Amino acid sequence: MKMMTTNEHLARRPRAGPGEAVGVTEAMIGEVVETFYARVRGDAVLGPIFNGAVDDWPTHLAKLKDFWSSVLLMTGRFKGQPMAVHAALPGIGRAHFEHWLALFGQTVGDVCPPPAAALFRDKAAMIAESLQLGIAVSRGEIPPLSRRS
């Protein structure tokens, strides 16, 4: 039986996600997703969009938990195409993403300790920018300029 080298052992070990360093857990992700999307469903701006697009909230929430688990804990559970889904939503634009980010930032601030909330916010901002760029390209529009310096 061949002994593994240290490098082989490290290569086989699952990669730690950025969330682990700031205390993100599956339970925290679940609470963020449940709390945030309860707020979204009742929101005057976002509620009509999400309620019109989501037929099965329990399944959608499970997919969103898998998404955030994959992003923050590197679990690889998420299987989906968020770009295609968002690009198919008519009329979605920068103001919607800004509103989504503000509500999301408030939610993670309410639910998470500050370091975890900051990580959620940073990842959400990067994802929102990526989605906006992809949507703009899919519509043949000039991509929005980054607000990051």
N, C-alpha and C. Protein backbone atom coordinates (compact mmCIF):
# COMPACT_ATOMS: atom_id res chain seq x y z
N MET A 1 0.84 -1.18 0.00
CA MET A 1 0.00 0.00 0.00
C MET A 1 0.88 1.24 0.00
N LYS A 2 0.62 2.12 -0.97
CA LYS A 2 1.43 3.32 -1.12
C LYS A 2 0.98 4.40 -0.14
N MET A 3 1.93 5.02 0.53
CA MET A 3 1.64 6.12 1.43
C MET A 3 1.49 7.41 0.61
N MET A 4 0.49 8.22 0.97
CA MET A 4 0.30 9.49 0.28
C MET A 4 1.31 10.50 0.78
N THR A 5 1.80 11.32 -0.16
CA THR A 5 2.66 12.43 0.24
C THR A 5 1.79 13.51 0.85
N THR A 6 2.41 14.47 1.49
CA THR A 6 1.67 15.59 2.07
C THR A 6 0.90 16.34 1.00
N ASN A 7 1.54 16.58 -0.15
CA ASN A 7 0.86 17.30 -1.23
C ASN A 7 -0.34 16.52 -1.76
N GLU A 8 -0.22 15.20 -1.89
CA GLU A 8 -1.35 14.39 -2.34
C GLU A 8 -2.49 14.44 -1.34
N HIS A 9 -2.14 14.39 -0.05
CA HIS A 9 -3.15 14.44 1.00
C HIS A 9 -3.88 15.79 0.97
N LEU A 10 -3.12 16.88 0.83
CA LEU A 10 -3.73 18.21 0.79
C LEU A 10 -4.60 18.39 -0.45
N ALA A 11 -4.19 17.81 -1.56
CA ALA A 11 -4.96 17.92 -2.79
C ALA A 11 -6.30 17.20 -2.67
N ARG A 12 -6.36 16.14 -1.88
CA ARG A 12 -7.60 15.37 -1.72
C ARG A 12 -8.52 15.95 -0.65
N ARG A 13 -7.95 16.75 0.24
CA ARG A 13 -8.75 17.34 1.32
C ARG A 13 -9.67 18.42 0.75
N PRO A 14 -10.93 18.43 1.16
CA PRO A 14 -11.83 19.48 0.67
C PRO A 14 -11.30 20.86 1.02
N ARG A 15 -11.44 21.79 0.09
CA ARG A 15 -11.00 23.16 0.33
C ARG A 15 -11.93 23.84 1.31
N ALA A 16 -11.36 24.57 2.24
CA ALA A 16 -12.18 25.33 3.19
C ALA A 16 -12.70 26.57 2.47
N GLY A 17 -13.95 26.88 2.70
CA GLY A 17 -14.54 28.07 2.10
C GLY A 17 -14.22 29.31 2.91
N PRO A 18 -14.36 30.48 2.31
CA PRO A 18 -14.05 31.72 3.02
C PRO A 18 -14.96 31.95 4.22
N GLY A 19 -16.14 31.38 4.20
CA GLY A 19 -17.07 31.56 5.31
C GLY A 19 -16.63 30.91 6.60
N GLU A 20 -15.90 29.83 6.49
CA GLU A 20 -15.47 29.12 7.70
C GLU A 20 -14.59 30.00 8.58
N ALA A 21 -13.77 30.84 7.97
CA ALA A 21 -12.87 31.71 8.73
C ALA A 21 -13.61 32.76 9.56
N VAL A 22 -14.84 33.08 9.16
CA VAL A 22 -15.60 34.10 9.89
C VAL A 22 -16.83 33.51 10.58
N GLY A 23 -16.87 32.18 10.69
CA GLY A 23 -17.92 31.54 11.47
C GLY A 23 -19.22 31.25 10.74
N VAL A 24 -19.22 31.32 9.42
CA VAL A 24 -20.44 30.99 8.67
C VAL A 24 -20.70 29.49 8.79
N THR A 25 -21.93 29.14 9.08
CA THR A 25 -22.35 27.73 9.18
C THR A 25 -23.55 27.51 8.27
N GLU A 26 -23.88 26.25 8.06
CA GLU A 26 -25.08 25.92 7.29
C GLU A 26 -26.32 26.51 7.96
N ALA A 27 -26.36 26.47 9.28
CA ALA A 27 -27.52 27.02 10.01
C ALA A 27 -27.64 28.52 9.78
N MET A 28 -26.50 29.22 9.77
CA MET A 28 -26.51 30.67 9.53
C MET A 28 -26.99 30.96 8.11
N ILE A 29 -26.50 30.20 7.15
CA ILE A 29 -26.93 30.38 5.77
C ILE A 29 -28.44 30.16 5.67
N GLY A 30 -28.94 29.13 6.31
CA GLY A 30 -30.37 28.86 6.31
C GLY A 30 -31.16 30.01 6.89
N GLU A 31 -30.69 30.56 7.98
CA GLU A 31 -31.40 31.68 8.61
C GLU A 31 -31.37 32.93 7.73
N VAL A 32 -30.22 33.19 7.11
CA VAL A 32 -30.12 34.35 6.20
C VAL A 32 -31.10 34.19 5.04
N VAL A 33 -31.09 33.03 4.39
CA VAL A 33 -31.95 32.80 3.23
C VAL A 33 -33.43 32.89 3.62
N GLU A 34 -33.81 32.23 4.69
CA GLU A 34 -35.22 32.25 5.11
C GLU A 34 -35.67 33.66 5.48
N THR A 35 -34.85 34.38 6.25
CA THR A 35 -35.20 35.73 6.69
C THR A 35 -35.25 36.69 5.52
N PHE A 36 -34.22 36.64 4.68
CA PHE A 36 -34.14 37.56 3.56
C PHE A 36 -35.31 37.38 2.59
N TYR A 37 -35.59 36.14 2.20
CA TYR A 37 -36.63 35.95 1.20
C TYR A 37 -38.04 36.13 1.77
N ALA A 38 -38.20 36.02 3.08
CA ALA A 38 -39.48 36.42 3.69
C ALA A 38 -39.65 37.93 3.52
N ARG A 39 -38.57 38.67 3.68
CA ARG A 39 -38.62 40.12 3.49
C ARG A 39 -38.84 40.47 2.02
N VAL A 40 -38.17 39.75 1.13
CA VAL A 40 -38.31 40.00 -0.30
C VAL A 40 -39.76 39.81 -0.74
N ARG A 41 -40.39 38.74 -0.28
CA ARG A 41 -41.76 38.45 -0.70
C ARG A 41 -42.72 39.56 -0.32
N GLY A 42 -42.44 40.27 0.77
CA GLY A 42 -43.30 41.36 1.20
C GLY A 42 -42.84 42.73 0.74
N ASP A 43 -41.74 42.79 0.01
CA ASP A 43 -41.17 44.06 -0.41
C ASP A 43 -41.93 44.62 -1.62
N ALA A 44 -42.21 45.92 -1.58
CA ALA A 44 -43.00 46.55 -2.65
C ALA A 44 -42.29 46.52 -4.00
N VAL A 45 -40.96 46.57 -4.02
CA VAL A 45 -40.21 46.58 -5.27
C VAL A 45 -39.88 45.17 -5.74
N LEU A 46 -39.34 44.36 -4.84
CA LEU A 46 -38.86 43.03 -5.22
C LEU A 46 -39.93 41.95 -5.15
N GLY A 47 -40.90 42.11 -4.27
CA GLY A 47 -41.93 41.10 -4.09
C GLY A 47 -42.64 40.72 -5.38
N PRO A 48 -43.12 41.70 -6.17
CA PRO A 48 -43.81 41.32 -7.41
C PRO A 48 -42.92 40.54 -8.39
N ILE A 49 -41.64 40.87 -8.44
CA ILE A 49 -40.73 40.17 -9.35
C ILE A 49 -40.55 38.72 -8.89
N PHE A 50 -40.19 38.54 -7.63
CA PHE A 50 -39.93 37.20 -7.12
C PHE A 50 -41.20 36.37 -7.04
N ASN A 51 -42.26 36.96 -6.56
CA ASN A 51 -43.51 36.20 -6.45
C ASN A 51 -44.05 35.81 -7.81
N GLY A 52 -43.75 36.61 -8.84
CA GLY A 52 -44.16 36.27 -10.19
C GLY A 52 -43.29 35.21 -10.84
N ALA A 53 -42.05 35.09 -10.36
CA ALA A 53 -41.10 34.15 -10.98
C ALA A 53 -40.98 32.83 -10.24
N VAL A 54 -41.29 32.82 -8.95
CA VAL A 54 -41.11 31.61 -8.13
C VAL A 54 -42.46 30.96 -7.87
N ASP A 55 -42.59 29.72 -8.35
CA ASP A 55 -43.83 28.97 -8.14
C ASP A 55 -43.78 28.12 -6.88
N ASP A 56 -42.59 27.66 -6.53
CA ASP A 56 -42.42 26.72 -5.42
C ASP A 56 -41.35 27.27 -4.47
N TRP A 57 -41.79 28.05 -3.47
CA TRP A 57 -40.84 28.70 -2.57
C TRP A 57 -39.98 27.71 -1.79
N PRO A 58 -40.49 26.62 -1.23
CA PRO A 58 -39.60 25.71 -0.50
C PRO A 58 -38.45 25.17 -1.37
N THR A 59 -38.75 24.82 -2.61
CA THR A 59 -37.70 24.32 -3.51
C THR A 59 -36.72 25.44 -3.84
N HIS A 60 -37.24 26.63 -4.09
CA HIS A 60 -36.37 27.77 -4.41
C HIS A 60 -35.45 28.10 -3.24
N LEU A 61 -36.00 28.11 -2.03
CA LEU A 61 -35.18 28.41 -0.85
C LEU A 61 -34.10 27.36 -0.65
N ALA A 62 -34.43 26.09 -0.88
CA ALA A 62 -33.42 25.03 -0.77
C ALA A 62 -32.30 25.25 -1.78
N LYS A 63 -32.64 25.67 -2.98
CA LYS A 63 -31.63 25.93 -4.02
C LYS A 63 -30.76 27.12 -3.62
N LEU A 64 -31.38 28.15 -3.04
CA LEU A 64 -30.62 29.32 -2.60
C LEU A 64 -29.68 28.97 -1.44
N LYS A 65 -30.11 28.10 -0.56
CA LYS A 65 -29.23 27.65 0.53
C LYS A 65 -28.05 26.89 -0.05
N ASP A 66 -28.30 26.05 -1.04
CA ASP A 66 -27.20 25.33 -1.71
C ASP A 66 -26.26 26.32 -2.39
N PHE A 67 -26.82 27.36 -3.00
CA PHE A 67 -26.00 28.37 -3.67
C PHE A 67 -25.05 29.03 -2.67
N TRP A 68 -25.60 29.55 -1.58
CA TRP A 68 -24.77 30.25 -0.60
C TRP A 68 -23.80 29.30 0.10
N SER A 69 -24.19 28.06 0.30
CA SER A 69 -23.29 27.08 0.87
C SER A 69 -22.10 26.84 -0.07
N SER A 70 -22.38 26.78 -1.36
CA SER A 70 -21.31 26.59 -2.34
C SER A 70 -20.40 27.80 -2.41
N VAL A 71 -20.97 29.01 -2.33
CA VAL A 71 -20.18 30.23 -2.40
C VAL A 71 -19.31 30.42 -1.15
N LEU A 72 -19.90 30.24 0.02
CA LEU A 72 -19.20 30.58 1.26
C LEU A 72 -18.49 29.41 1.93
N LEU A 73 -18.99 28.21 1.72
CA LEU A 73 -18.39 27.04 2.38
C LEU A 73 -17.76 26.06 1.39
N MET A 74 -17.83 26.39 0.11
CA MET A 74 -17.23 25.58 -0.96
C MET A 74 -17.75 24.14 -0.97
N THR A 75 -19.04 23.96 -0.68
CA THR A 75 -19.59 22.60 -0.64
C THR A 75 -19.86 22.03 -2.02
N GLY A 76 -20.01 22.88 -3.02
CA GLY A 76 -20.28 22.39 -4.36
C GLY A 76 -21.68 21.84 -4.56
N ARG A 77 -22.58 22.13 -3.64
CA ARG A 77 -23.94 21.58 -3.73
C ARG A 77 -24.80 22.24 -4.79
N PHE A 78 -24.53 23.50 -5.11
CA PHE A 78 -25.42 24.22 -6.02
C PHE A 78 -25.24 23.74 -7.45
N LYS A 79 -26.37 23.46 -8.06
CA LYS A 79 -26.42 23.11 -9.47
C LYS A 79 -27.48 24.00 -10.10
N GLY A 80 -27.09 24.88 -10.95
CA GLY A 80 -28.05 25.78 -11.56
C GLY A 80 -27.37 26.77 -12.47
N GLN A 81 -28.18 27.61 -13.09
CA GLN A 81 -27.68 28.63 -14.01
C GLN A 81 -28.29 29.98 -13.66
N PRO A 82 -27.78 30.62 -12.62
CA PRO A 82 -28.38 31.88 -12.19
C PRO A 82 -28.37 32.97 -13.26
N MET A 83 -27.35 32.98 -14.11
CA MET A 83 -27.29 34.02 -15.15
C MET A 83 -28.48 33.90 -16.08
N ALA A 84 -28.74 32.71 -16.57
CA ALA A 84 -29.86 32.51 -17.50
C ALA A 84 -31.19 32.84 -16.85
N VAL A 85 -31.35 32.46 -15.59
CA VAL A 85 -32.60 32.72 -14.88
C VAL A 85 -32.83 34.22 -14.73
N HIS A 86 -31.79 34.95 -14.31
CA HIS A 86 -31.95 36.39 -14.11
C HIS A 86 -32.10 37.13 -15.44
N ALA A 87 -31.38 36.70 -16.47
CA ALA A 87 -31.48 37.36 -17.77
C ALA A 87 -32.87 37.21 -18.37
N ALA A 88 -33.57 36.15 -18.00
CA ALA A 88 -34.92 35.92 -18.54
C ALA A 88 -35.99 36.79 -17.88
N LEU A 89 -35.64 37.47 -16.80
CA LEU A 89 -36.62 38.32 -16.10
C LEU A 89 -36.74 39.66 -16.84
N PRO A 90 -37.90 39.96 -17.37
CA PRO A 90 -38.04 41.21 -18.13
C PRO A 90 -38.00 42.43 -17.20
N GLY A 91 -37.31 43.45 -17.66
CA GLY A 91 -37.33 44.72 -16.94
C GLY A 91 -36.44 44.80 -15.71
N ILE A 92 -35.72 43.74 -15.39
CA ILE A 92 -34.84 43.80 -14.22
C ILE A 92 -33.63 44.67 -14.56
N GLY A 93 -33.29 45.57 -13.65
CA GLY A 93 -32.19 46.49 -13.92
C GLY A 93 -31.40 46.85 -12.69
N ARG A 94 -30.51 47.83 -12.88
CA ARG A 94 -29.58 48.24 -11.82
C ARG A 94 -30.31 48.63 -10.54
N ALA A 95 -31.40 49.35 -10.64
CA ALA A 95 -32.13 49.78 -9.43
C ALA A 95 -32.64 48.57 -8.64
N HIS A 96 -33.05 47.53 -9.34
CA HIS A 96 -33.49 46.31 -8.64
C HIS A 96 -32.34 45.66 -7.89
N PHE A 97 -31.19 45.60 -8.53
CA PHE A 97 -30.02 45.01 -7.88
C PHE A 97 -29.59 45.84 -6.67
N GLU A 98 -29.61 47.16 -6.81
CA GLU A 98 -29.24 48.02 -5.68
C GLU A 98 -30.21 47.84 -4.51
N HIS A 99 -31.49 47.74 -4.82
CA HIS A 99 -32.49 47.53 -3.77
C HIS A 99 -32.29 46.16 -3.11
N TRP A 100 -32.05 45.15 -3.94
CA TRP A 100 -31.79 43.79 -3.44
C TRP A 100 -30.59 43.81 -2.50
N LEU A 101 -29.50 44.47 -2.93
CA LEU A 101 -28.29 44.52 -2.11
C LEU A 101 -28.52 45.26 -0.78
N ALA A 102 -29.29 46.33 -0.82
CA ALA A 102 -29.58 47.08 0.41
C ALA A 102 -30.38 46.22 1.39
N LEU A 103 -31.40 45.54 0.89
CA LEU A 103 -32.22 44.68 1.75
C LEU A 103 -31.41 43.49 2.25
N PHE A 104 -30.59 42.93 1.38
CA PHE A 104 -29.74 41.81 1.77
C PHE A 104 -28.73 42.25 2.84
N GLY A 105 -28.12 43.40 2.63
CA GLY A 105 -27.16 43.91 3.60
C GLY A 105 -27.79 44.14 4.97
N GLN A 106 -29.00 44.67 4.98
CA GLN A 106 -29.72 44.86 6.24
C GLN A 106 -29.99 43.51 6.90
N THR A 107 -30.40 42.53 6.11
CA THR A 107 -30.73 41.21 6.65
C THR A 107 -29.52 40.54 7.26
N VAL A 108 -28.41 40.51 6.52
CA VAL A 108 -27.23 39.84 7.08
C VAL A 108 -26.71 40.59 8.30
N GLY A 109 -26.89 41.91 8.32
CA GLY A 109 -26.53 42.68 9.51
C GLY A 109 -27.38 42.32 10.71
N ASP A 110 -28.63 41.98 10.46
CA ASP A 110 -29.54 41.58 11.54
C ASP A 110 -29.28 40.15 12.01
N VAL A 111 -28.85 39.28 11.12
CA VAL A 111 -28.76 37.85 11.40
C VAL A 111 -27.35 37.38 11.79
N CYS A 112 -26.34 38.01 11.22
CA CYS A 112 -24.97 37.49 11.34
C CYS A 112 -24.08 38.38 12.20
N PRO A 113 -23.03 37.78 12.79
CA PRO A 113 -22.01 38.62 13.42
C PRO A 113 -21.31 39.47 12.35
N PRO A 114 -20.75 40.62 12.72
CA PRO A 114 -20.19 41.54 11.73
C PRO A 114 -19.23 40.93 10.70
N PRO A 115 -18.26 40.09 11.08
CA PRO A 115 -17.37 39.55 10.04
C PRO A 115 -18.10 38.68 9.01
N ALA A 116 -19.06 37.89 9.45
CA ALA A 116 -19.83 37.05 8.52
C ALA A 116 -20.73 37.93 7.65
N ALA A 117 -21.35 38.94 8.25
CA ALA A 117 -22.21 39.85 7.49
C ALA A 117 -21.40 40.55 6.40
N ALA A 118 -20.19 40.97 6.73
CA ALA A 118 -19.33 41.65 5.74
C ALA A 118 -19.00 40.71 4.59
N LEU A 119 -18.72 39.46 4.89
CA LEU A 119 -18.41 38.50 3.83
C LEU A 119 -19.64 38.27 2.94
N PHE A 120 -20.79 38.07 3.55
CA PHE A 120 -22.03 37.92 2.76
C PHE A 120 -22.22 39.13 1.84
N ARG A 121 -22.05 40.34 2.41
CA ARG A 121 -22.25 41.56 1.61
C ARG A 121 -21.27 41.64 0.45
N ASP A 122 -19.99 41.34 0.73
CA ASP A 122 -18.97 41.41 -0.32
C ASP A 122 -19.27 40.42 -1.44
N LYS A 123 -19.60 39.20 -1.08
CA LYS A 123 -19.90 38.18 -2.10
C LYS A 123 -21.15 38.57 -2.88
N ALA A 124 -22.17 39.07 -2.19
CA ALA A 124 -23.41 39.47 -2.86
C ALA A 124 -23.14 40.60 -3.85
N ALA A 125 -22.31 41.55 -3.48
CA ALA A 125 -21.99 42.66 -4.38
C ALA A 125 -21.27 42.16 -5.63
N MET A 126 -20.33 41.24 -5.47
CA MET A 126 -19.63 40.69 -6.62
C MET A 126 -20.57 39.90 -7.53
N ILE A 127 -21.45 39.13 -6.91
CA ILE A 127 -22.42 38.33 -7.68
C ILE A 127 -23.39 39.26 -8.42
N ALA A 128 -23.87 40.29 -7.74
CA ALA A 128 -24.80 41.23 -8.37
C ALA A 128 -24.14 41.92 -9.56
N GLU A 129 -22.89 42.31 -9.41
CA GLU A 129 -22.20 42.96 -10.52
C GLU A 129 -22.03 42.00 -11.69
N SER A 130 -21.68 40.78 -11.39
CA SER A 130 -21.51 39.77 -12.44
C SER A 130 -22.84 39.53 -13.17
N LEU A 131 -23.92 39.40 -12.42
CA LEU A 131 -25.23 39.19 -13.04
C LEU A 131 -25.62 40.39 -13.91
N GLN A 132 -25.38 41.59 -13.41
CA GLN A 132 -25.72 42.78 -14.19
C GLN A 132 -24.93 42.84 -15.49
N LEU A 133 -23.66 42.50 -15.43
CA LEU A 133 -22.85 42.48 -16.65
C LEU A 133 -23.36 41.44 -17.62
N GLY A 134 -23.65 40.25 -17.12
CA GLY A 134 -24.15 39.18 -17.97
C GLY A 134 -25.49 39.52 -18.60
N ILE A 135 -26.37 40.13 -17.82
CA ILE A 135 -27.69 40.54 -18.34
C ILE A 135 -27.51 41.59 -19.43
N ALA A 136 -26.65 42.58 -19.16
CA ALA A 136 -26.42 43.63 -20.14
C ALA A 136 -25.88 43.05 -21.44
N VAL A 137 -24.94 42.15 -21.35
CA VAL A 137 -24.38 41.53 -22.55
C VAL A 137 -25.44 40.71 -23.28
N SER A 138 -26.25 39.96 -22.52
CA SER A 138 -27.29 39.13 -23.16
C SER A 138 -28.33 39.98 -23.87
N ARG A 139 -28.50 41.21 -23.44
CA ARG A 139 -29.48 42.11 -24.06
C ARG A 139 -28.85 43.03 -25.11
N GLY A 140 -27.54 42.88 -25.30
CA GLY A 140 -26.85 43.71 -26.27
C GLY A 140 -26.66 45.14 -25.81
N GLU A 141 -26.70 45.36 -24.49
CA GLU A 141 -26.52 46.70 -23.93
C GLU A 141 -25.07 46.90 -23.53
N ILE A 142 -24.71 48.13 -23.33
CA ILE A 142 -23.38 48.42 -22.82
C ILE A 142 -23.36 48.01 -21.36
N PRO A 143 -22.37 47.19 -20.95
CA PRO A 143 -22.32 46.76 -19.55
C PRO A 143 -22.17 47.95 -18.60
N PRO A 144 -22.78 47.86 -17.41
CA PRO A 144 -22.64 48.95 -16.43
C PRO A 144 -21.20 49.03 -15.94
N LEU A 145 -20.78 50.25 -15.62
CA LEU A 145 -19.43 50.43 -15.09
C LEU A 145 -19.41 49.99 -13.64
N SER A 146 -18.28 49.45 -13.23
CA SER A 146 -18.11 48.99 -11.85
C SER A 146 -18.07 50.20 -10.93
N ARG A 147 -18.67 50.04 -9.76
CA ARG A 147 -18.62 51.10 -8.75
C ARG A 147 -17.48 50.87 -7.79
N ARG A 148 -16.80 49.74 -7.94
CA ARG A 148 -15.66 49.47 -7.06
C ARG A 148 -14.45 50.23 -7.56
N SER A 149 -13.61 50.61 -6.62
CA SER A 149 -12.40 51.32 -7.03
C SER A 149 -11.25 50.37 -7.14
